[in-house]
Amino acid sequence: FLNVTTGLPVMQLRQLRTFFLFDIDGTMVGTDPLYLSVFTDLLKPFGYKVDLEFYRSNIHGRVDQDIFKALMPPSYTQQQLDEIMKHKDDLFRKEVMLQGVTAMPGLMETMDFARKNGIQCGAISNAPRASCEALLEALGVWPYLDHLIIGAECKRAKPFPDPYQLSMHKFGAEPSECIVFEDSRSGIQSGVASGARLIIGIQSSLSDHILRRHGAHATIRDFEQFTPHFLLQVHSSALDSNLNAQCIEKLGLAGLPVESIPTAFEMPGGYIARTLRLQLMYKKHIANVEHLPVNAVLKMESPTLQDNVVEALQLYKREWAFYKHVRRMVPLRIPRLYCTLEKPDPKASGVQQTDGLILEDLSLMQDAAPLALRPTLQHASLVVDKLSQMHAHFWGEPELPQVSRISDFNMEEELRSRWPKFKKMWAHRLDPDALAAGEFIVRKWSWLQKQLSHPPFTLLHGNLRTGNIFMLKG
């Protein structure tokens, strides 16, 4: 069976012995508004103003015992803590009955998908059992679950690995066979500590940046984005063993003591380049690991490219030169270059040529926001205007000729040889004016190149799309 959109073998998933481990609050169902209302009323007599920031800092993802022990007066006995925790549970169940709950979009379809493909599911939560049971009953997901694990009933709750490890033990599953779905910092830390193969972050209250910073391998807005294509992409690393070893070695030489790259998530790429987001796991003895990047971007030649264009244009050698010599002069926030990958030069024995780059992942920047999914004409005009101003800054810069020269590559000949194939491929999509413009460019290339090589003209090339351009907030 093939996915009609992607063409990927959906039923290949049956060959993967897989278990889904779900957190409940904020993952299966959006309960933050209910808990916010309950804790607002409950804590008001104690002088607390419960807003969203207070909730996320003091309540979200934590067990009740820890929450109330931290917030109640020091004189409170365990009996008093038990009483207020029970009162909280009663208020929460009342809110569930009054307001009802709605499953996270796509959850029931994901449950059906799991059942049809023989994937067993468990629920793991730090919330009290009575509250979890009320939610699961209201959602109607009990028939899909093999068990419910409660953090407070384990030796240690999340963020320790005990709840997820107990679930794995009940399934008789290896950590490498388990996929964890979580929305909180403590939950993700628990999943990571359990050794689960994949941690999928749910963006119900925390951003992609924060979820991945705490260890999520990938994130989704809700379960509508958890497609068979997505699962097949993230379930296994896209790096072969040789490339994986070279990346770890090169990153180590660059000062990043990486022990493993558990996932390499394929990102949208172009005709020439293959782009992968690498998940970086560091050696256990390394101090201050929280200051090291959790992801990096690998950019290298596409394996499907049957062309000599990368070698002819010396693309990665030139891109390395850009990061080495030009990056510091560009008035934009540009990714840091961590290291380069090499392969033997087929034309020169014993010589290595640049084959790829490992770069900083700018999506992890706290204040970065990707360009809109569907850029408007106003977006395009703004980007073109800013980049044109930047290009003009470099006219006459003495360092640029050192990195911009291309040897053994005749662009005019390449255009003439490629144009007939391009025209045949895209003639049904291009109108006559566009085809005529293409014919003119091919015929007049030398003249156009000369005209565009002098001020005030500049040539901008690239794709204006999400993932390529980020805007700093403010």
Protein backbone atom coordinates (compact mmCIF):
# COMPACT_ATOMS: atom_id res chain seq x y z
CA PHE A 1 0.00 0.00 0.00
CA LEU A 2 1.33 3.43 -0.94
CA ASN A 3 0.50 6.85 0.44
CA VAL A 4 -1.15 8.59 -2.51
CA THR A 5 0.53 11.89 -1.66
CA THR A 6 4.08 10.79 -0.90
CA GLY A 7 4.28 7.45 -2.69
CA LEU A 8 5.89 5.96 0.42
CA PRO A 9 5.03 2.42 1.58
CA VAL A 10 2.64 3.05 4.47
CA MET A 11 2.40 -0.60 5.48
CA GLN A 12 6.17 -0.82 5.80
CA LEU A 13 5.49 0.36 9.37
CA ARG A 14 4.23 -3.11 10.23
CA GLN A 15 7.77 -4.35 9.83
CA LEU A 16 8.85 -1.99 12.65
CA ARG A 17 8.05 -3.34 16.14
CA THR A 18 6.82 -0.08 17.59
CA PHE A 19 5.08 1.14 20.75
CA PHE A 20 3.44 4.55 21.23
CA LEU A 21 3.78 6.06 24.74
CA PHE A 22 1.48 9.07 25.26
CA ASP A 23 1.51 11.74 27.91
CA ILE A 24 -2.09 12.87 28.58
CA ASP A 25 -2.45 16.53 29.63
CA GLY A 26 -1.37 18.83 26.80
CA THR A 27 -0.60 15.87 24.54
CA MET A 28 -3.79 13.87 24.10
CA VAL A 29 -5.98 16.75 25.21
CA GLY A 30 -5.53 20.47 25.82
CA THR A 31 -6.22 20.78 29.55
CA ASP A 32 -4.16 23.87 30.36
CA PRO A 33 -7.22 26.21 30.41
CA LEU A 34 -9.01 23.82 32.83
CA TYR A 35 -6.03 23.56 35.18
CA LEU A 36 -5.44 27.32 34.95
CA SER A 37 -9.01 27.93 36.12
CA VAL A 38 -8.76 25.35 38.93
CA PHE A 39 -5.43 26.60 40.28
CA THR A 40 -6.55 30.24 40.04
CA ASP A 41 -9.46 29.56 42.40
CA LEU A 42 -7.49 27.16 44.59
CA LEU A 43 -4.44 29.36 45.18
CA LYS A 44 -6.13 32.77 45.40
CA PRO A 45 -6.67 32.51 49.23
CA PHE A 46 -2.91 31.93 49.58
CA GLY A 47 -2.05 35.20 47.79
CA TYR A 48 -0.98 33.72 44.46
CA LYS A 49 -1.94 35.31 41.15
CA VAL A 50 -2.05 32.41 38.71
CA ASP A 51 -1.42 33.64 35.18
CA LEU A 52 0.00 31.67 32.25
CA GLU A 53 3.62 32.44 33.18
CA PHE A 54 3.08 31.33 36.79
CA TYR A 55 1.32 28.17 35.60
CA ARG A 56 4.14 27.17 33.25
CA SER A 57 6.85 27.90 35.82
CA ASN A 58 5.28 26.28 38.88
CA ILE A 59 2.64 23.76 37.77
CA HIS A 60 2.96 22.54 34.18
CA GLY A 61 4.29 18.95 33.97
CA ARG A 62 4.90 18.54 37.73
CA VAL A 63 3.35 16.08 40.20
CA ASP A 64 0.88 17.48 42.75
CA GLN A 65 3.05 16.58 45.73
CA ASP A 66 5.91 18.73 44.43
CA ILE A 67 3.57 21.55 43.36
CA PHE A 68 1.80 21.98 46.68
CA LYS A 69 4.85 21.30 48.82
CA ALA A 70 6.52 24.25 47.08
CA LEU A 71 3.50 26.58 47.16
CA MET A 72 1.83 25.88 50.49
CA PRO A 73 3.04 27.44 53.79
CA PRO A 74 6.04 25.60 55.33
CA SER A 75 3.91 24.71 58.34
CA TYR A 76 1.56 22.52 56.25
CA THR A 77 1.53 18.86 57.30
CA GLN A 78 1.30 15.96 54.85
CA GLN A 79 -2.34 15.49 55.85
CA GLN A 80 -3.09 19.11 54.89
CA LEU A 81 -1.26 18.65 51.59
CA ASP A 82 -3.30 15.49 50.89
CA GLU A 83 -6.52 17.38 51.59
CA ILE A 84 -5.74 20.26 49.22
CA MET A 85 -4.59 17.84 46.51
CA LYS A 86 -7.88 15.95 46.81
CA HIS A 87 -9.78 19.24 46.65
CA LYS A 88 -7.87 20.11 43.48
CA ASP A 89 -8.80 16.77 41.88
CA ASP A 90 -12.47 17.26 42.79
CA LEU A 91 -12.49 20.74 41.23
CA PHE A 92 -10.75 19.45 38.09
CA ARG A 93 -13.21 16.58 37.55
CA LYS A 94 -16.06 19.03 38.04
CA GLU A 95 -14.57 21.31 35.34
CA VAL A 96 -14.23 18.31 32.98
CA MET A 97 -17.90 17.44 33.49
CA LEU A 98 -19.08 21.04 33.10
CA GLN A 99 -16.93 22.12 30.16
CA GLY A 100 -16.13 18.78 28.52
CA VAL A 101 -12.86 18.02 26.76
CA THR A 102 -11.82 17.76 23.13
CA ALA A 103 -9.14 15.40 21.87
CA MET A 104 -6.07 16.95 20.29
CA PRO A 105 -6.71 17.25 16.52
CA GLY A 106 -5.75 14.03 14.77
CA LEU A 107 -5.47 11.97 18.00
CA MET A 108 -8.27 9.52 17.20
CA GLU A 109 -6.95 9.02 13.66
CA THR A 110 -3.51 8.30 15.15
CA MET A 111 -5.06 5.77 17.54
CA ASP A 112 -6.88 4.08 14.64
CA PHE A 113 -3.65 4.04 12.64
CA ALA A 114 -1.83 2.39 15.55
CA ARG A 115 -4.51 -0.26 15.98
CA LYS A 116 -4.60 -1.10 12.25
CA ASN A 117 -0.81 -1.47 12.17
CA GLY A 118 -0.48 -3.54 15.34
CA ILE A 119 1.15 -0.75 17.37
CA GLN A 120 0.39 -1.01 21.11
CA CYS A 121 -0.23 2.20 23.06
CA GLY A 122 0.17 3.26 26.69
CA ALA A 123 -0.61 6.44 28.64
CA ILE A 124 1.96 7.89 31.06
CA SER A 125 1.18 10.93 33.21
CA ASN A 126 2.31 12.90 36.24
CA ALA A 127 -1.31 13.79 37.01
CA PRO A 128 -3.29 11.89 39.69
CA ARG A 129 -4.89 8.62 38.59
CA ALA A 130 -8.48 9.77 39.17
CA SER A 131 -7.99 12.84 36.95
CA CYS A 132 -6.31 10.78 34.21
CA GLU A 133 -9.06 8.17 34.25
CA ALA A 134 -11.72 10.88 33.99
CA LEU A 135 -9.96 12.41 31.00
CA LEU A 136 -9.40 9.12 29.19
CA GLU A 137 -13.05 8.20 29.75
CA ALA A 138 -14.23 11.56 28.41
CA LEU A 139 -11.96 11.25 25.36
CA GLY A 140 -13.07 7.70 24.61
CA VAL A 141 -9.51 6.37 24.17
CA TRP A 142 -9.53 3.63 26.83
CA PRO A 143 -10.12 0.86 24.24
CA TYR A 144 -6.88 1.83 22.47
CA LEU A 145 -4.66 1.69 25.58
CA ASP A 146 -2.94 -1.28 27.18
CA HIS A 147 -2.19 0.48 30.47
CA LEU A 148 -2.01 3.75 32.38
CA ILE A 149 1.17 4.64 34.31
CA ILE A 150 1.03 7.34 37.01
CA GLY A 151 4.25 9.16 37.93
CA ALA A 152 3.40 9.49 41.63
CA GLU A 153 2.91 5.70 41.84
CA CYS A 154 6.46 5.08 40.58
CA LYS A 155 9.59 5.32 42.69
CA ARG A 156 10.31 8.61 40.92
CA ALA A 157 7.98 10.67 38.69
CA LYS A 158 8.90 12.63 35.57
CA PRO A 159 11.46 14.12 34.83
CA PHE A 160 13.04 10.84 35.95
CA PRO A 161 12.77 7.94 33.50
CA ASP A 162 10.86 5.59 35.86
CA PRO A 163 7.31 6.08 34.45
CA TYR A 164 8.36 5.45 30.84
CA GLN A 165 10.65 2.59 31.84
CA LEU A 166 7.75 0.93 33.69
CA SER A 167 5.57 1.27 30.58
CA MET A 168 8.30 -0.33 28.44
CA HIS A 169 8.63 -3.14 30.99
CA LYS A 170 4.88 -3.84 30.87
CA PHE A 171 5.04 -4.04 27.07
CA GLY A 172 8.20 -6.15 27.10
CA ALA A 173 9.62 -3.51 24.77
CA GLU A 174 13.12 -2.25 24.20
CA PRO A 175 13.63 1.55 24.46
CA SER A 176 14.71 1.51 20.80
CA GLU A 177 11.20 0.32 19.89
CA CYS A 178 9.34 3.15 21.66
CA ILE A 179 8.09 6.55 20.52
CA VAL A 180 7.20 9.05 23.26
CA PHE A 181 4.72 11.91 22.75
CA GLU A 182 5.18 14.77 25.23
CA ASP A 183 4.37 18.46 25.65
CA SER A 184 6.28 19.45 28.82
CA ARG A 185 9.91 19.96 29.76
CA SER A 186 9.78 17.34 32.52
CA GLY A 187 8.04 14.84 30.24
CA ILE A 188 10.58 15.23 27.45
CA GLN A 189 13.44 14.90 29.94
CA SER A 190 11.82 11.72 31.26
CA GLY A 191 11.48 10.29 27.75
CA VAL A 192 15.07 11.13 26.88
CA ALA A 193 16.35 9.58 30.14
CA SER A 194 14.35 6.39 29.43
CA GLY A 195 16.34 5.89 26.23
CA ALA A 196 13.24 5.93 24.00
CA ARG A 197 14.04 5.79 20.29
CA LEU A 198 12.14 8.99 19.51
CA ILE A 199 10.68 11.87 21.50
CA ILE A 200 7.99 13.78 19.60
CA GLY A 201 7.19 17.17 21.13
CA ILE A 202 3.62 18.50 20.97
CA GLN A 203 3.46 22.28 20.54
CA SER A 204 0.37 22.75 22.73
CA SER A 205 2.04 25.17 25.16
CA LEU A 206 5.78 25.22 24.36
CA SER A 207 7.46 26.23 21.11
CA ASP A 208 9.43 24.02 18.76
CA HIS A 209 12.59 25.77 20.00
CA ILE A 210 11.97 24.96 23.68
CA LEU A 211 10.81 21.39 23.04
CA ARG A 212 13.88 20.56 20.96
CA ARG A 213 16.15 22.38 23.39
CA HIS A 214 14.99 19.94 26.09
CA GLY A 215 15.55 16.89 23.89
CA ALA A 216 12.63 16.39 21.47
CA HIS A 217 13.86 14.86 18.23
CA ALA A 218 11.04 16.49 16.25
CA THR A 219 7.88 18.46 17.03
CA ILE A 220 4.36 18.65 15.66
CA ARG A 221 1.59 21.17 16.17
CA ASP A 222 -0.89 18.33 16.79
CA PHE A 223 -1.50 14.77 15.60
CA GLU A 224 -2.80 15.91 12.21
CA GLN A 225 0.88 16.41 11.36
CA PHE A 226 1.80 12.90 12.55
CA THR A 227 1.44 11.24 9.14
CA PRO A 228 2.89 7.91 7.93
CA HIS A 229 5.36 9.95 5.88
CA PHE A 230 6.46 11.87 8.98
CA LEU A 231 6.83 8.64 10.98
CA LEU A 232 8.88 6.94 8.30
CA GLN A 233 11.13 9.99 8.08
CA VAL A 234 11.91 10.26 11.78
CA HIS A 235 11.87 6.56 12.71
CA SER A 236 15.34 5.90 11.32
CA SER A 237 18.40 8.05 10.87
CA ALA A 238 18.99 9.20 7.32
CA LEU A 239 22.77 8.89 7.75
CA ASP A 240 24.66 5.80 6.66
CA SER A 241 27.33 4.53 9.06
CA ASN A 242 30.28 6.09 7.20
CA LEU A 243 28.67 9.52 6.97
CA ASN A 244 27.53 9.29 10.60
CA ALA A 245 31.08 8.51 11.74
CA GLN A 246 32.56 11.34 9.67
CA CYS A 247 30.05 13.86 11.07
CA ILE A 248 30.85 12.83 14.67
CA GLU A 249 34.60 13.01 14.01
CA LYS A 250 34.44 16.42 12.33
CA LEU A 251 32.13 17.89 14.99
CA GLY A 252 34.54 16.62 17.67
CA LEU A 253 37.46 18.36 15.99
CA ALA A 254 35.33 21.52 15.90
CA GLY A 255 34.92 21.40 19.70
CA LEU A 256 31.53 19.66 19.85
CA PRO A 257 32.09 16.34 21.70
CA VAL A 258 29.22 14.46 20.05
CA GLU A 259 28.78 10.81 21.02
CA SER A 260 25.95 9.93 18.65
CA ILE A 261 23.51 11.34 16.09
CA PRO A 262 20.28 9.44 16.88
CA THR A 263 18.21 11.08 14.15
CA ALA A 264 18.85 12.98 10.95
CA PHE A 265 15.56 14.54 9.89
CA GLU A 266 15.22 15.29 6.18
CA MET A 267 14.41 18.97 5.61
CA PRO A 268 12.92 20.49 2.44
CA GLY A 269 15.73 20.76 -0.08
CA GLY A 270 16.33 21.80 -3.63
CA TYR A 271 17.59 20.19 -6.82
CA ILE A 272 21.26 20.34 -5.86
CA ALA A 273 21.42 20.24 -2.06
CA ARG A 274 20.27 17.67 0.48
CA THR A 275 19.57 19.22 3.90
CA LEU A 276 19.30 17.27 7.15
CA ARG A 277 18.64 18.41 10.72
CA LEU A 278 20.97 16.40 12.97
CA GLN A 279 20.09 15.58 16.58
CA LEU A 280 23.30 15.83 18.62
CA MET A 281 23.83 13.72 21.74
CA TYR A 282 26.97 14.50 23.76
CA LYS A 283 29.36 12.33 25.75
CA LYS A 284 28.19 11.75 29.32
CA HIS A 285 31.22 13.25 31.10
CA ILE A 286 31.01 16.63 29.34
CA ALA A 287 30.28 19.59 31.65
CA ASN A 288 27.97 22.49 30.71
CA VAL A 289 26.35 20.40 27.97
CA GLU A 290 23.25 22.63 28.21
CA HIS A 291 25.22 25.38 26.44
CA LEU A 292 26.01 23.18 23.43
CA PRO A 293 23.69 23.07 20.39
CA VAL A 294 21.16 20.22 20.40
CA ASN A 295 20.80 20.34 16.62
CA ALA A 296 22.89 21.16 13.59
CA VAL A 297 22.14 21.34 9.87
CA LEU A 298 24.00 19.13 7.40
CA LYS A 299 24.05 20.43 3.84
CA MET A 300 25.51 18.21 1.14
CA GLU A 301 25.03 17.08 -2.44
CA SER A 302 21.70 15.41 -3.17
CA PRO A 303 22.14 11.65 -3.75
CA THR A 304 19.61 11.81 -6.60
CA LEU A 305 21.60 14.42 -8.52
CA GLN A 306 22.94 12.87 -11.72
CA ASP A 307 24.98 15.88 -12.73
CA ASN A 308 28.45 17.37 -12.39
CA VAL A 309 27.14 20.80 -11.44
CA VAL A 310 28.31 20.65 -7.78
CA GLU A 311 31.83 19.67 -8.76
CA ALA A 312 31.94 22.07 -11.72
CA LEU A 313 30.79 25.05 -9.67
CA GLN A 314 32.89 24.03 -6.64
CA LEU A 315 29.77 24.80 -4.63
CA TYR A 316 30.79 23.63 -1.18
CA LYS A 317 34.34 24.87 -1.54
CA ARG A 318 32.95 28.28 -2.44
CA GLU A 319 30.35 28.16 0.34
CA TRP A 320 33.10 27.30 2.84
CA ALA A 321 35.04 30.32 1.52
CA PHE A 322 31.95 32.46 2.07
CA TYR A 323 31.69 31.43 5.74
CA LYS A 324 35.46 31.79 6.16
CA HIS A 325 36.02 35.18 4.49
CA VAL A 326 32.72 36.97 3.84
CA ARG A 327 30.34 36.01 6.67
CA ARG A 328 31.82 38.52 9.13
CA MET A 329 31.15 41.37 6.68
CA VAL A 330 27.47 40.52 6.07
CA PRO A 331 25.03 42.63 8.14
CA LEU A 332 22.67 39.68 8.64
CA ARG A 333 22.53 36.88 11.22
CA ILE A 334 24.13 34.02 9.29
CA PRO A 335 24.62 30.45 10.56
CA ARG A 336 27.97 29.59 12.07
CA LEU A 337 29.96 27.00 10.18
CA TYR A 338 30.91 24.16 12.55
CA CYS A 339 32.91 22.03 10.10
CA THR A 340 33.19 20.71 6.54
CA LEU A 341 33.01 17.18 5.17
CA GLU A 342 35.43 15.93 2.54
CA LYS A 343 35.70 13.16 -0.01
CA PRO A 344 38.55 12.11 -2.34
CA ASP A 345 38.98 14.29 -5.41
CA PRO A 346 38.48 11.99 -8.42
CA LYS A 347 40.78 14.17 -10.53
CA ALA A 348 43.73 14.32 -8.13
CA SER A 349 45.14 11.38 -6.21
CA GLY A 350 45.53 11.98 -2.46
CA VAL A 351 43.60 15.27 -2.60
CA GLN A 352 40.35 15.88 -0.66
CA GLN A 353 37.52 18.09 -1.91
CA THR A 354 34.78 19.73 0.15
CA ASP A 355 31.65 17.58 0.02
CA GLY A 356 29.35 19.19 2.57
CA LEU A 357 28.93 21.60 5.48
CA ILE A 358 27.60 21.26 9.03
CA LEU A 359 26.02 24.55 10.10
CA GLU A 360 24.30 26.15 13.07
CA ASP A 361 20.54 25.56 13.18
CA LEU A 362 19.10 29.09 13.24
CA SER A 363 15.62 27.79 14.04
CA LEU A 364 16.91 27.25 17.61
CA MET A 365 17.40 30.98 18.10
CA GLN A 366 15.08 32.18 20.86
CA ASP A 367 13.89 35.25 18.98
CA ALA A 368 13.83 33.79 15.46
CA ALA A 369 10.57 33.29 13.61
CA PRO A 370 10.41 31.66 10.16
CA LEU A 371 8.97 33.58 7.26
CA ALA A 372 5.26 33.05 6.70
CA LEU A 373 4.29 29.71 5.17
CA ARG A 374 2.92 31.51 2.12
CA PRO A 375 4.98 34.68 1.67
CA THR A 376 3.01 37.59 0.27
CA LEU A 377 4.21 40.03 -2.38
CA GLN A 378 4.92 42.43 0.49
CA HIS A 379 7.17 39.82 2.14
CA ALA A 380 9.00 39.25 -1.14
CA SER A 381 9.47 42.98 -1.76
CA LEU A 382 10.82 43.51 1.75
CA VAL A 383 13.35 40.66 1.42
CA VAL A 384 14.46 41.73 -2.07
CA ASP A 385 14.85 45.34 -0.90
CA LYS A 386 16.95 44.38 2.15
CA LEU A 387 19.13 41.92 0.23
CA SER A 388 19.68 44.40 -2.60
CA GLN A 389 20.92 46.97 -0.10
CA MET A 390 23.22 44.33 1.37
CA HIS A 391 24.60 43.41 -2.06
CA ALA A 392 25.33 47.06 -2.82
CA HIS A 393 27.44 47.18 0.34
CA PHE A 394 29.94 44.78 -1.27
CA TRP A 395 30.67 46.53 -4.56
CA GLY A 396 34.41 47.10 -4.79
CA GLU A 397 35.16 44.92 -1.76
CA PRO A 398 38.72 43.63 -2.39
CA GLU A 399 38.17 40.20 -0.77
CA LEU A 400 35.23 39.16 -2.92
CA PRO A 401 37.11 38.33 -6.17
CA GLN A 402 39.20 35.82 -4.21
CA VAL A 403 36.16 33.66 -3.47
CA SER A 404 33.87 34.30 -6.44
CA ARG A 405 36.00 33.08 -9.34
CA ILE A 406 34.82 29.86 -11.02
CA SER A 407 37.38 27.93 -13.05
CA ASP A 408 36.63 25.48 -15.85
CA PHE A 409 32.96 26.36 -16.01
CA ASN A 410 31.38 28.17 -18.94
CA MET A 411 27.96 29.39 -17.87
CA GLU A 412 26.88 30.35 -21.37
CA GLU A 413 27.64 26.86 -22.72
CA GLU A 414 25.84 25.29 -19.77
CA LEU A 415 22.75 27.43 -20.35
CA ARG A 416 22.63 26.61 -24.05
CA SER A 417 22.98 22.88 -23.40
CA ARG A 418 20.41 22.77 -20.58
CA TRP A 419 17.76 25.09 -21.97
CA PRO A 420 16.13 22.63 -24.44
CA LYS A 421 15.63 20.03 -21.69
CA PHE A 422 14.29 22.65 -19.29
CA LYS A 423 11.88 24.03 -21.90
CA LYS A 424 10.57 20.57 -22.73
CA MET A 425 10.05 19.77 -19.04
CA TRP A 426 8.25 23.00 -18.12
CA ALA A 427 6.62 24.18 -21.36
CA HIS A 428 3.16 23.10 -20.14
CA ARG A 429 3.52 25.31 -17.03
CA LEU A 430 5.11 28.43 -18.55
CA ASP A 431 3.23 30.99 -20.60
CA PRO A 432 4.60 32.25 -23.95
CA ASP A 433 6.02 35.43 -22.40
CA ALA A 434 8.03 33.42 -19.84
CA LEU A 435 9.38 31.09 -22.54
CA ALA A 436 10.31 34.09 -24.69
CA ALA A 437 12.12 35.64 -21.71
CA GLY A 438 14.04 32.38 -21.25
CA GLU A 439 15.05 32.33 -24.93
CA PHE A 440 16.26 35.93 -24.63
CA ILE A 441 18.36 35.15 -21.51
CA VAL A 442 20.05 32.19 -23.20
CA ARG A 443 20.72 34.15 -26.39
CA LYS A 444 21.97 37.30 -24.64
CA TRP A 445 23.68 35.75 -21.60
CA SER A 446 27.10 37.32 -22.13
CA TRP A 447 25.59 40.78 -22.49
CA LEU A 448 23.30 40.29 -19.44
CA GLN A 449 26.17 39.03 -17.31
CA LYS A 450 28.23 42.07 -18.20
CA GLN A 451 25.34 44.43 -17.42
CA LEU A 452 24.58 42.79 -14.07
CA SER A 453 28.21 42.78 -13.00
CA HIS A 454 28.41 46.53 -12.42
CA PRO A 455 26.64 48.89 -10.00
CA PRO A 456 23.83 49.73 -9.47
CA PHE A 457 22.64 46.27 -10.56
CA THR A 458 22.61 43.15 -8.40
CA LEU A 459 21.40 39.59 -8.92
CA LEU A 460 19.43 37.80 -6.18
CA HIS A 461 19.01 34.06 -6.32
CA GLY A 462 17.24 31.75 -3.89
CA ASN A 463 13.93 30.41 -2.66
CA LEU A 464 11.71 32.69 -0.60
CA ARG A 465 10.18 30.06 1.65
CA THR A 466 9.91 28.85 5.23
CA GLY A 467 13.15 27.32 6.45
CA ASN A 468 15.40 29.53 4.34
CA ILE A 469 14.69 32.92 5.91
CA PHE A 470 14.05 33.79 9.56
CA MET A 471 13.01 37.15 10.95
CA LEU A 472 14.18 38.38 14.36
CA LYS A 473 11.20 39.48 16.46
CA GLY A 474 11.13 43.19 17.16
